[in-house]
Amino acid sequence: MPSLLGYVERKGELPKYLTFSSITALMAFYTGNEIREKALIGDRDGQECSIMDEMAVLEFFATNSEKTCTDFVQAYLSNVDFHSQDLTQILGLVEAVTTYLEGIRTLGMRKALEKNFYYFDIKD
């Protein structure tokens, strides 16, 4: 988060790649509503995966990750326990993360990357 915050402070705008990778992709990865054996249970292309972290983090995502994109982003960015500040105060961040997350949810990660960063030629 320091890189993103430093960029915003220096440039006065959001860093597109950091916004996508350090916030939105993390939120997409931590999507799941079940905690089993101290892990959040996620789904990656139909395969179950176990996401390990501190229990408070797992509980937050289990409670919030299936909300609408807007509500999930608002809950995550305003959680001062994660970033020591309310990130919703950064101009345009809620909107950018919400747009990226909606893309991931509707198109999948690969297509969302291609849509937002069109010059990437993503290969298998």
N, C-alpha and C. Protein backbone atom coordinates (compact mmCIF):
# COMPACT_ATOMS: atom_id res chain seq x y z
N MET A 1 0.81 -1.20 0.00
CA MET A 1 0.00 0.00 0.00
C MET A 1 0.85 1.27 0.00
N PRO A 2 2.02 1.26 0.62
CA PRO A 2 2.86 2.47 0.59
C PRO A 2 3.18 2.93 -0.84
N SER A 3 3.39 2.01 -1.76
CA SER A 3 3.69 2.39 -3.15
C SER A 3 2.51 3.12 -3.78
N LEU A 4 1.32 2.59 -3.57
CA LEU A 4 0.12 3.21 -4.12
C LEU A 4 -0.08 4.59 -3.51
N LEU A 5 0.03 4.69 -2.20
CA LEU A 5 -0.18 5.97 -1.53
C LEU A 5 0.88 7.00 -1.94
N GLY A 6 2.12 6.55 -2.06
CA GLY A 6 3.19 7.44 -2.50
C GLY A 6 2.97 7.95 -3.91
N TYR A 7 2.50 7.08 -4.77
CA TYR A 7 2.21 7.47 -6.16
C TYR A 7 1.12 8.53 -6.20
N VAL A 8 0.05 8.30 -5.45
CA VAL A 8 -1.06 9.26 -5.41
C VAL A 8 -0.57 10.61 -4.89
N GLU A 9 0.27 10.56 -3.88
CA GLU A 9 0.79 11.80 -3.31
C GLU A 9 1.68 12.55 -4.31
N ARG A 10 2.53 11.82 -5.02
CA ARG A 10 3.46 12.44 -5.98
C ARG A 10 2.76 12.90 -7.26
N LYS A 11 1.90 12.06 -7.81
CA LYS A 11 1.32 12.31 -9.12
C LYS A 11 -0.09 12.91 -9.09
N GLY A 12 -0.77 12.75 -7.96
CA GLY A 12 -2.13 13.27 -7.87
C GLY A 12 -3.14 12.44 -8.63
N GLU A 13 -2.79 11.20 -8.93
CA GLU A 13 -3.71 10.28 -9.61
C GLU A 13 -3.44 8.87 -9.16
N LEU A 14 -4.37 7.97 -9.48
CA LEU A 14 -4.23 6.57 -9.09
C LEU A 14 -3.26 5.85 -10.02
N PRO A 15 -2.42 4.99 -9.48
CA PRO A 15 -1.60 4.14 -10.33
C PRO A 15 -2.44 2.97 -10.83
N LYS A 16 -2.70 2.92 -12.10
CA LYS A 16 -3.62 1.95 -12.69
C LYS A 16 -3.22 0.50 -12.35
N TYR A 17 -1.97 0.16 -12.56
CA TYR A 17 -1.53 -1.23 -12.35
C TYR A 17 -1.54 -1.62 -10.88
N LEU A 18 -1.08 -0.73 -10.01
CA LEU A 18 -1.10 -1.03 -8.58
C LEU A 18 -2.52 -1.12 -8.04
N THR A 19 -3.39 -0.25 -8.53
CA THR A 19 -4.78 -0.30 -8.09
C THR A 19 -5.39 -1.66 -8.45
N PHE A 20 -5.11 -2.12 -9.65
CA PHE A 20 -5.64 -3.42 -10.07
C PHE A 20 -4.98 -4.56 -9.29
N SER A 21 -3.66 -4.56 -9.23
CA SER A 21 -2.96 -5.73 -8.69
C SER A 21 -2.93 -5.79 -7.17
N SER A 22 -2.67 -4.67 -6.51
CA SER A 22 -2.49 -4.73 -5.06
C SER A 22 -3.80 -4.65 -4.28
N ILE A 23 -4.85 -4.19 -4.92
CA ILE A 23 -6.14 -4.12 -4.23
C ILE A 23 -7.17 -5.05 -4.87
N THR A 24 -7.49 -4.80 -6.12
CA THR A 24 -8.60 -5.52 -6.76
C THR A 24 -8.31 -7.00 -6.92
N ALA A 25 -7.14 -7.36 -7.41
CA ALA A 25 -6.82 -8.78 -7.59
C ALA A 25 -6.78 -9.50 -6.25
N LEU A 26 -6.29 -8.82 -5.22
CA LEU A 26 -6.28 -9.42 -3.88
C LEU A 26 -7.71 -9.66 -3.41
N MET A 27 -8.58 -8.68 -3.61
CA MET A 27 -9.98 -8.85 -3.20
C MET A 27 -10.63 -10.00 -3.96
N ALA A 28 -10.34 -10.11 -5.24
CA ALA A 28 -10.91 -11.20 -6.03
C ALA A 28 -10.38 -12.55 -5.54
N PHE A 29 -9.11 -12.61 -5.22
CA PHE A 29 -8.52 -13.85 -4.74
C PHE A 29 -9.14 -14.29 -3.41
N TYR A 30 -9.38 -13.33 -2.52
CA TYR A 30 -9.90 -13.63 -1.18
C TYR A 30 -11.43 -13.78 -1.17
N THR A 31 -12.02 -14.19 -2.25
CA THR A 31 -13.46 -14.38 -2.32
C THR A 31 -13.83 -15.78 -1.87
N GLY A 32 -14.69 -15.85 -0.88
CA GLY A 32 -15.18 -17.11 -0.35
C GLY A 32 -16.05 -16.82 0.86
N ASN A 33 -16.97 -17.70 1.17
CA ASN A 33 -17.84 -17.45 2.32
C ASN A 33 -17.78 -18.55 3.37
N GLU A 34 -16.86 -19.49 3.19
CA GLU A 34 -16.75 -20.59 4.14
C GLU A 34 -15.33 -20.65 4.68
N ILE A 35 -15.23 -20.80 6.01
CA ILE A 35 -13.93 -21.02 6.64
C ILE A 35 -13.92 -22.46 7.13
N ARG A 36 -12.91 -23.19 6.70
CA ARG A 36 -12.77 -24.59 7.08
C ARG A 36 -11.31 -24.86 7.39
N GLU A 37 -11.07 -25.48 8.53
CA GLU A 37 -9.70 -25.84 8.94
C GLU A 37 -8.77 -24.65 8.87
N LYS A 38 -9.23 -23.52 9.43
CA LYS A 38 -8.45 -22.27 9.52
C LYS A 38 -8.10 -21.68 8.16
N ALA A 39 -8.91 -21.94 7.14
CA ALA A 39 -8.68 -21.40 5.80
C ALA A 39 -10.01 -20.94 5.21
N LEU A 40 -9.95 -19.85 4.46
CA LEU A 40 -11.09 -19.41 3.68
C LEU A 40 -11.12 -20.28 2.43
N ILE A 41 -12.28 -20.82 2.11
CA ILE A 41 -12.38 -21.70 0.96
C ILE A 41 -12.81 -20.87 -0.26
N GLY A 42 -11.93 -20.83 -1.23
CA GLY A 42 -12.19 -20.09 -2.47
C GLY A 42 -12.40 -21.03 -3.62
N ASP A 43 -12.70 -20.46 -4.75
CA ASP A 43 -12.93 -21.24 -5.97
C ASP A 43 -12.10 -20.63 -7.09
N ARG A 44 -11.28 -21.43 -7.71
CA ARG A 44 -10.47 -20.99 -8.84
C ARG A 44 -10.76 -21.90 -10.02
N ASP A 45 -11.53 -21.39 -10.96
CA ASP A 45 -11.90 -22.15 -12.16
C ASP A 45 -12.52 -23.50 -11.81
N GLY A 46 -13.41 -23.48 -10.83
CA GLY A 46 -14.11 -24.70 -10.44
C GLY A 46 -13.35 -25.59 -9.47
N GLN A 47 -12.15 -25.19 -9.12
CA GLN A 47 -11.34 -25.96 -8.17
C GLN A 47 -11.32 -25.24 -6.82
N GLU A 48 -11.57 -25.98 -5.76
CA GLU A 48 -11.54 -25.43 -4.42
C GLU A 48 -10.10 -25.12 -4.04
N CYS A 49 -9.91 -23.97 -3.38
CA CYS A 49 -8.58 -23.64 -2.88
C CYS A 49 -8.70 -23.09 -1.47
N SER A 50 -7.67 -23.32 -0.69
CA SER A 50 -7.63 -22.86 0.69
C SER A 50 -6.77 -21.60 0.78
N ILE A 51 -7.35 -20.55 1.33
CA ILE A 51 -6.65 -19.28 1.48
C ILE A 51 -6.31 -19.11 2.96
N MET A 52 -5.03 -19.03 3.25
CA MET A 52 -4.57 -18.95 4.63
C MET A 52 -4.21 -17.51 4.98
N ASP A 53 -4.61 -17.10 6.18
CA ASP A 53 -4.28 -15.77 6.67
C ASP A 53 -4.69 -15.72 8.13
N GLU A 54 -4.55 -14.55 8.74
CA GLU A 54 -5.01 -14.39 10.11
C GLU A 54 -6.53 -14.57 10.14
N MET A 55 -7.04 -15.12 11.22
CA MET A 55 -8.47 -15.42 11.30
C MET A 55 -9.34 -14.19 11.12
N ALA A 56 -8.94 -13.04 11.66
CA ALA A 56 -9.74 -11.83 11.50
C ALA A 56 -9.86 -11.44 10.03
N VAL A 57 -8.81 -11.63 9.27
CA VAL A 57 -8.83 -11.32 7.84
C VAL A 57 -9.76 -12.28 7.12
N LEU A 58 -9.63 -13.57 7.42
CA LEU A 58 -10.48 -14.57 6.78
C LEU A 58 -11.95 -14.32 7.10
N GLU A 59 -12.24 -13.98 8.34
CA GLU A 59 -13.62 -13.71 8.74
C GLU A 59 -14.18 -12.49 8.02
N PHE A 60 -13.35 -11.46 7.85
CA PHE A 60 -13.80 -10.28 7.10
C PHE A 60 -14.21 -10.68 5.69
N PHE A 61 -13.35 -11.41 5.00
CA PHE A 61 -13.65 -11.78 3.62
C PHE A 61 -14.81 -12.76 3.53
N ALA A 62 -14.93 -13.68 4.46
CA ALA A 62 -16.06 -14.62 4.46
C ALA A 62 -17.38 -13.87 4.62
N THR A 63 -17.36 -12.82 5.40
CA THR A 63 -18.56 -12.02 5.65
C THR A 63 -18.88 -11.07 4.50
N ASN A 64 -17.86 -10.56 3.82
CA ASN A 64 -18.07 -9.46 2.87
C ASN A 64 -17.86 -9.78 1.39
N SER A 65 -17.14 -10.82 1.06
CA SER A 65 -16.71 -11.00 -0.33
C SER A 65 -17.83 -11.31 -1.32
N GLU A 66 -18.96 -11.76 -0.85
CA GLU A 66 -20.05 -12.06 -1.77
C GLU A 66 -21.09 -10.94 -1.85
N LYS A 67 -20.78 -9.81 -1.23
CA LYS A 67 -21.64 -8.63 -1.35
C LYS A 67 -21.50 -8.07 -2.76
N THR A 68 -22.34 -7.11 -3.10
CA THR A 68 -22.17 -6.44 -4.38
C THR A 68 -20.77 -5.85 -4.44
N CYS A 69 -20.27 -5.63 -5.63
CA CYS A 69 -18.93 -5.06 -5.77
C CYS A 69 -18.81 -3.75 -5.01
N THR A 70 -19.78 -2.89 -5.14
CA THR A 70 -19.75 -1.59 -4.47
C THR A 70 -19.66 -1.75 -2.96
N ASP A 71 -20.49 -2.60 -2.39
CA ASP A 71 -20.50 -2.79 -0.94
C ASP A 71 -19.22 -3.48 -0.45
N PHE A 72 -18.73 -4.44 -1.21
CA PHE A 72 -17.50 -5.15 -0.84
C PHE A 72 -16.31 -4.19 -0.87
N VAL A 73 -16.21 -3.41 -1.93
CA VAL A 73 -15.10 -2.45 -2.05
C VAL A 73 -15.18 -1.43 -0.93
N GLN A 74 -16.35 -0.91 -0.67
CA GLN A 74 -16.53 0.06 0.41
C GLN A 74 -16.10 -0.53 1.75
N ALA A 75 -16.52 -1.74 2.04
CA ALA A 75 -16.16 -2.39 3.31
C ALA A 75 -14.65 -2.61 3.41
N TYR A 76 -14.03 -3.07 2.33
CA TYR A 76 -12.60 -3.35 2.35
C TYR A 76 -11.77 -2.07 2.48
N LEU A 77 -12.05 -1.10 1.63
CA LEU A 77 -11.24 0.12 1.63
C LEU A 77 -11.43 0.96 2.89
N SER A 78 -12.57 0.85 3.53
CA SER A 78 -12.81 1.63 4.76
C SER A 78 -12.33 0.91 6.02
N ASN A 79 -11.84 -0.31 5.88
CA ASN A 79 -11.38 -1.10 7.03
C ASN A 79 -10.00 -0.61 7.49
N VAL A 80 -9.98 0.22 8.50
CA VAL A 80 -8.72 0.79 8.98
C VAL A 80 -7.80 -0.25 9.62
N ASP A 81 -8.33 -1.38 10.01
CA ASP A 81 -7.49 -2.45 10.57
C ASP A 81 -6.53 -3.00 9.51
N PHE A 82 -6.91 -2.95 8.25
CA PHE A 82 -6.06 -3.48 7.18
C PHE A 82 -4.97 -2.50 6.75
N HIS A 83 -5.31 -1.22 6.66
CA HIS A 83 -4.38 -0.26 6.06
C HIS A 83 -4.06 0.93 6.95
N SER A 84 -4.52 0.90 8.19
CA SER A 84 -4.29 1.97 9.16
C SER A 84 -4.91 3.31 8.75
N GLN A 85 -5.75 3.27 7.76
CA GLN A 85 -6.48 4.47 7.35
C GLN A 85 -7.66 4.08 6.47
N ASP A 86 -8.58 5.01 6.32
CA ASP A 86 -9.76 4.79 5.48
C ASP A 86 -9.40 5.15 4.05
N LEU A 87 -9.18 4.15 3.21
CA LEU A 87 -8.76 4.38 1.83
C LEU A 87 -9.88 4.90 0.93
N THR A 88 -11.11 4.90 1.44
CA THR A 88 -12.20 5.46 0.63
C THR A 88 -12.02 6.96 0.46
N GLN A 89 -11.14 7.56 1.24
CA GLN A 89 -10.89 9.00 1.16
C GLN A 89 -9.99 9.37 -0.02
N ILE A 90 -9.39 8.39 -0.67
CA ILE A 90 -8.54 8.65 -1.83
C ILE A 90 -9.44 8.83 -3.04
N LEU A 91 -9.36 9.99 -3.63
CA LEU A 91 -10.23 10.36 -4.74
C LEU A 91 -10.17 9.34 -5.87
N GLY A 92 -11.33 8.78 -6.21
CA GLY A 92 -11.46 7.87 -7.34
C GLY A 92 -11.14 6.41 -7.05
N LEU A 93 -10.61 6.11 -5.86
CA LEU A 93 -10.19 4.73 -5.58
C LEU A 93 -11.38 3.78 -5.50
N VAL A 94 -12.44 4.15 -4.81
CA VAL A 94 -13.62 3.28 -4.70
C VAL A 94 -14.16 2.96 -6.09
N GLU A 95 -14.28 3.96 -6.92
CA GLU A 95 -14.83 3.78 -8.26
C GLU A 95 -13.94 2.88 -9.11
N ALA A 96 -12.63 3.13 -9.07
CA ALA A 96 -11.70 2.33 -9.88
C ALA A 96 -11.70 0.88 -9.45
N VAL A 97 -11.61 0.63 -8.15
CA VAL A 97 -11.58 -0.75 -7.66
C VAL A 97 -12.90 -1.44 -7.95
N THR A 98 -14.01 -0.74 -7.78
CA THR A 98 -15.32 -1.32 -8.08
C THR A 98 -15.42 -1.71 -9.55
N THR A 99 -14.99 -0.84 -10.44
CA THR A 99 -15.03 -1.14 -11.87
C THR A 99 -14.17 -2.34 -12.21
N TYR A 100 -12.95 -2.38 -11.68
CA TYR A 100 -12.06 -3.52 -11.93
C TYR A 100 -12.66 -4.81 -11.38
N LEU A 101 -13.21 -4.76 -10.16
CA LEU A 101 -13.76 -5.96 -9.54
C LEU A 101 -14.99 -6.46 -10.31
N GLU A 102 -15.82 -5.55 -10.77
CA GLU A 102 -16.97 -5.96 -11.59
C GLU A 102 -16.49 -6.67 -12.86
N GLY A 103 -15.42 -6.17 -13.44
CA GLY A 103 -14.84 -6.81 -14.62
C GLY A 103 -14.34 -8.21 -14.33
N ILE A 104 -13.66 -8.37 -13.22
CA ILE A 104 -13.16 -9.70 -12.85
C ILE A 104 -14.31 -10.66 -12.60
N ARG A 105 -15.33 -10.18 -11.90
CA ARG A 105 -16.47 -11.05 -11.59
C ARG A 105 -17.26 -11.44 -12.83
N THR A 106 -17.40 -10.55 -13.77
CA THR A 106 -18.21 -10.86 -14.95
C THR A 106 -17.42 -11.50 -16.08
N LEU A 107 -16.18 -11.10 -16.25
CA LEU A 107 -15.38 -11.58 -17.37
C LEU A 107 -14.37 -12.66 -16.99
N GLY A 108 -13.99 -12.70 -15.73
CA GLY A 108 -12.88 -13.54 -15.28
C GLY A 108 -11.60 -12.73 -15.30
N MET A 109 -10.60 -13.20 -14.59
CA MET A 109 -9.36 -12.46 -14.43
C MET A 109 -8.66 -12.21 -15.76
N ARG A 110 -8.53 -13.22 -16.56
CA ARG A 110 -7.81 -13.09 -17.83
C ARG A 110 -8.44 -12.03 -18.73
N LYS A 111 -9.74 -12.11 -18.91
CA LYS A 111 -10.44 -11.16 -19.79
C LYS A 111 -10.43 -9.75 -19.19
N ALA A 112 -10.52 -9.65 -17.85
CA ALA A 112 -10.47 -8.34 -17.21
C ALA A 112 -9.10 -7.70 -17.43
N LEU A 113 -8.05 -8.50 -17.34
CA LEU A 113 -6.71 -7.97 -17.62
C LEU A 113 -6.60 -7.51 -19.06
N GLU A 114 -7.09 -8.32 -19.97
CA GLU A 114 -7.04 -7.96 -21.39
C GLU A 114 -7.84 -6.69 -21.66
N LYS A 115 -8.99 -6.55 -21.03
CA LYS A 115 -9.83 -5.38 -21.23
C LYS A 115 -9.17 -4.11 -20.71
N ASN A 116 -8.61 -4.19 -19.51
CA ASN A 116 -8.05 -3.01 -18.86
C ASN A 116 -6.63 -2.69 -19.27
N PHE A 117 -5.91 -3.69 -19.69
CA PHE A 117 -4.50 -3.51 -20.07
C PHE A 117 -4.32 -4.17 -21.42
N TYR A 118 -4.98 -3.64 -22.41
CA TYR A 118 -5.16 -4.25 -23.73
C TYR A 118 -3.89 -4.67 -24.43
N TYR A 119 -2.77 -4.09 -24.11
CA TYR A 119 -1.55 -4.44 -24.80
C TYR A 119 -0.85 -5.65 -24.22
N PHE A 120 -1.39 -6.21 -23.15
CA PHE A 120 -0.83 -7.45 -22.63
C PHE A 120 -1.32 -8.60 -23.49
N ASP A 121 -0.43 -9.40 -23.93
CA ASP A 121 -0.79 -10.60 -24.70
C ASP A 121 -0.63 -11.77 -23.75
N ILE A 122 -1.72 -12.13 -23.09
CA ILE A 122 -1.69 -13.15 -22.06
C ILE A 122 -1.77 -14.52 -22.70
N LYS A 123 -0.78 -15.32 -22.45
CA LYS A 123 -0.72 -16.68 -23.00
C LYS A 123 -0.92 -17.69 -21.88
N ASP A 124 -1.37 -18.87 -22.25
CA ASP A 124 -1.52 -19.96 -21.26
C ASP A 124 -0.19 -20.44 -20.77
